[in-house]
Amino acid sequence: MDDLTVIITEFGFAISLAVGMGYFIYYVWKFITDKIEPKLEEMHFALIKCIDANRMLDNDMIRLQQKVDVVLKYEQMYNSDTTVTDNDADRSGSDNTQI
């Protein structure tokens, strides 16, 4: 604490405060570049992987939905064809009995 009072009395409060602030800025900059930036890059690559996986799943969902739509159309066509042929067979059978 005595060193601090000697520095303030020798250089002045403003100069001492400017040097202290410069050290603080240097400490924060060094901490960010040494500790935070590498972790940030790791997270960036993890985010890119996650986005790619999400796009792949979205494409798979689109393809699956198209396949389900095709199967439903085929089922609808098959049900409408069998319904028509069943009605035609009933009519032709009833026509033969009337003759």
C-alpha atoms as a PDB file:
ATOM      1  CA  MET A   1       0.000   0.000   0.000  1.00  0.00           C
ATOM      2  CA  ASP A   2       2.906   2.296   0.665  1.00  0.00           C
ATOM      3  CA  ASP A   3       4.166   1.664  -2.854  1.00  0.00           C
ATOM      4  CA  LEU A   4       0.843   2.870  -4.235  1.00  0.00           C
ATOM      5  CA  THR A   5       1.002   6.124  -2.286  1.00  0.00           C
ATOM      6  CA  VAL A   6       4.599   6.684  -3.409  1.00  0.00           C
ATOM      7  CA  ILE A   7       3.624   6.130  -7.067  1.00  0.00           C
ATOM      8  CA  ILE A   8       0.636   8.497  -6.751  1.00  0.00           C
ATOM      9  CA  THR A   9       2.657  11.214  -5.072  1.00  0.00           C
ATOM     10  CA  GLU A  10       5.550  10.860  -7.506  1.00  0.00           C
ATOM     11  CA  PHE A  11       3.620  10.609 -10.807  1.00  0.00           C
ATOM     12  CA  GLY A  12       0.200  11.980  -9.960  1.00  0.00           C
ATOM     13  CA  PHE A  13      -3.229  10.378  -9.709  1.00  0.00           C
ATOM     14  CA  ALA A  14      -4.130  10.660 -13.406  1.00  0.00           C
ATOM     15  CA  ILE A  15      -0.909   9.052 -14.648  1.00  0.00           C
ATOM     16  CA  SER A  16      -1.149   6.267 -12.046  1.00  0.00           C
ATOM     17  CA  LEU A  17      -4.754   5.622 -12.992  1.00  0.00           C
ATOM     18  CA  ALA A  18      -3.891   5.546 -16.716  1.00  0.00           C
ATOM     19  CA  VAL A  19      -1.108   2.992 -16.125  1.00  0.00           C
ATOM     20  CA  GLY A  20      -3.447   0.869 -13.961  1.00  0.00           C
ATOM     21  CA  MET A  21      -6.142   1.003 -16.632  1.00  0.00           C
ATOM     22  CA  GLY A  22      -3.594   0.060 -19.301  1.00  0.00           C
ATOM     23  CA  TYR A  23      -2.577  -2.984 -17.258  1.00  0.00           C
ATOM     24  CA  PHE A  24      -6.217  -3.948 -16.768  1.00  0.00           C
ATOM     25  CA  ILE A  25      -6.891  -3.711 -20.501  1.00  0.00           C
ATOM     26  CA  TYR A  26      -3.771  -5.776 -21.223  1.00  0.00           C
ATOM     27  CA  TYR A  27      -4.843  -8.416 -18.664  1.00  0.00           C
ATOM     28  CA  VAL A  28      -8.344  -8.707 -20.152  1.00  0.00           C
ATOM     29  CA  TRP A  29      -6.978  -8.865 -23.719  1.00  0.00           C
ATOM     30  CA  LYS A  30      -4.455 -11.577 -22.747  1.00  0.00           C
ATOM     31  CA  PHE A  31      -7.151 -13.590 -20.955  1.00  0.00           C
ATOM     32  CA  ILE A  32      -9.488 -13.415 -23.947  1.00  0.00           C
ATOM     33  CA  THR A  33      -6.833 -14.400 -26.485  1.00  0.00           C
ATOM     34  CA  ASP A  34      -5.357 -17.213 -24.364  1.00  0.00           C
ATOM     35  CA  LYS A  35      -8.409 -18.780 -22.742  1.00  0.00           C
ATOM     36  CA  ILE A  36     -11.617 -17.729 -24.444  1.00  0.00           C
ATOM     37  CA  GLU A  37     -10.686 -17.596 -28.137  1.00  0.00           C
ATOM     38  CA  PRO A  38      -9.608 -21.290 -28.447  1.00  0.00           C
ATOM     39  CA  LYS A  39     -12.809 -22.415 -26.722  1.00  0.00           C
ATOM     40  CA  LEU A  40     -14.788 -20.117 -28.963  1.00  0.00           C
ATOM     41  CA  GLU A  41     -13.284 -21.741 -32.063  1.00  0.00           C
ATOM     42  CA  GLU A  42     -14.102 -25.202 -30.697  1.00  0.00           C
ATOM     43  CA  MET A  43     -17.687 -24.101 -30.159  1.00  0.00           C
ATOM     44  CA  HIS A  44     -17.772 -22.643 -33.673  1.00  0.00           C
ATOM     45  CA  PHE A  45     -16.775 -25.989 -35.205  1.00  0.00           C
ATOM     46  CA  ALA A  46     -19.291 -27.809 -32.996  1.00  0.00           C
ATOM     47  CA  LEU A  47     -21.995 -25.395 -34.153  1.00  0.00           C
ATOM     48  CA  ILE A  48     -21.109 -26.017 -37.797  1.00  0.00           C
ATOM     49  CA  LYS A  49     -21.349 -29.792 -37.219  1.00  0.00           C
ATOM     50  CA  CYS A  50     -24.713 -29.341 -35.523  1.00  0.00           C
ATOM     51  CA  ILE A  51     -26.064 -27.206 -38.370  1.00  0.00           C
ATOM     52  CA  ASP A  52     -24.890 -29.766 -40.949  1.00  0.00           C
ATOM     53  CA  ALA A  53     -26.524 -32.610 -39.019  1.00  0.00           C
ATOM     54  CA  ASN A  54     -29.742 -30.592 -38.763  1.00  0.00           C
ATOM     55  CA  ARG A  55     -29.759 -29.978 -42.522  1.00  0.00           C
ATOM     56  CA  MET A  56     -29.164 -33.666 -43.206  1.00  0.00           C
ATOM     57  CA  LEU A  57     -32.067 -34.598 -40.917  1.00  0.00           C
ATOM     58  CA  ASP A  58     -34.272 -32.022 -42.617  1.00  0.00           C
ATOM     59  CA  ASN A  59     -33.426 -33.479 -46.025  1.00  0.00           C
ATOM     60  CA  ASP A  60     -34.136 -36.984 -44.706  1.00  0.00           C
ATOM     61  CA  MET A  61     -37.503 -35.821 -43.364  1.00  0.00           C
ATOM     62  CA  ILE A  62     -38.391 -34.294 -46.733  1.00  0.00           C
ATOM     63  CA  ARG A  63     -37.483 -37.524 -48.555  1.00  0.00           C
ATOM     64  CA  LEU A  64     -39.428 -39.602 -46.039  1.00  0.00           C
ATOM     65  CA  GLN A  65     -42.478 -37.358 -46.399  1.00  0.00           C
ATOM     66  CA  GLN A  66     -42.331 -37.722 -50.186  1.00  0.00           C
ATOM     67  CA  LYS A  67     -42.203 -41.513 -49.851  1.00  0.00           C
ATOM     68  CA  VAL A  68     -45.159 -41.511 -47.462  1.00  0.00           C
ATOM     69  CA  ASP A  69     -47.120 -39.309 -49.867  1.00  0.00           C
ATOM     70  CA  VAL A  70     -46.416 -41.721 -52.738  1.00  0.00           C
ATOM     71  CA  VAL A  71     -47.512 -44.725 -50.663  1.00  0.00           C
ATOM     72  CA  LEU A  72     -50.702 -42.918 -49.631  1.00  0.00           C
ATOM     73  CA  LYS A  73     -51.462 -42.074 -53.274  1.00  0.00           C
ATOM     74  CA  TYR A  74     -50.948 -45.717 -54.301  1.00  0.00           C
ATOM     75  CA  GLU A  75     -53.153 -46.874 -51.459  1.00  0.00           C
ATOM     76  CA  GLN A  76     -55.813 -44.348 -52.415  1.00  0.00           C
ATOM     77  CA  MET A  77     -55.662 -45.456 -56.061  1.00  0.00           C
ATOM     78  CA  TYR A  78     -55.843 -49.130 -55.047  1.00  0.00           C
ATOM     79  CA  ASN A  79     -58.826 -48.528 -52.756  1.00  0.00           C
ATOM     80  CA  SER A  80     -60.685 -46.535 -55.399  1.00  0.00           C
ATOM     81  CA  ASP A  81     -60.001 -49.216 -58.058  1.00  0.00           C
ATOM     82  CA  THR A  82     -61.193 -52.098 -55.867  1.00  0.00           C
ATOM     83  CA  THR A  83     -64.305 -50.178 -54.833  1.00  0.00           C
ATOM     84  CA  VAL A  84     -65.240 -49.527 -58.460  1.00  0.00           C
ATOM     85  CA  THR A  85     -64.625 -53.126 -59.534  1.00  0.00           C
ATOM     86  CA  ASP A  86     -66.666 -54.467 -56.603  1.00  0.00           C
ATOM     87  CA  ASN A  87     -69.613 -52.259 -57.583  1.00  0.00           C
ATOM     88  CA  ASP A  88     -69.309 -53.308 -61.234  1.00  0.00           C
ATOM     89  CA  ALA A  89     -69.279 -56.979 -60.269  1.00  0.00           C
ATOM     90  CA  ASP A  90     -72.409 -56.550 -58.131  1.00  0.00           C
ATOM     91  CA  ARG A  91     -74.257 -54.798 -60.948  1.00  0.00           C
ATOM     92  CA  SER A  92     -73.326 -57.343 -63.551  1.00  0.00           C
ATOM     93  CA  GLY A  93     -74.349 -60.179 -61.226  1.00  0.00           C
ATOM     94  CA  SER A  94     -77.708 -58.591 -60.536  1.00  0.00           C
ATOM     95  CA  ASP A  95     -78.229 -57.942 -64.271  1.00  0.00           C
ATOM     96  CA  ASN A  96     -77.683 -61.643 -65.024  1.00  0.00           C
ATOM     97  CA  THR A  97     -80.289 -62.710 -62.502  1.00  0.00           C
ATOM     98  CA  GLN A  98     -82.939 -60.453 -64.042  1.00  0.00           C
ATOM     99  CA  ILE A  99     -82.564 -61.946 -67.510  1.00  0.00           C
END
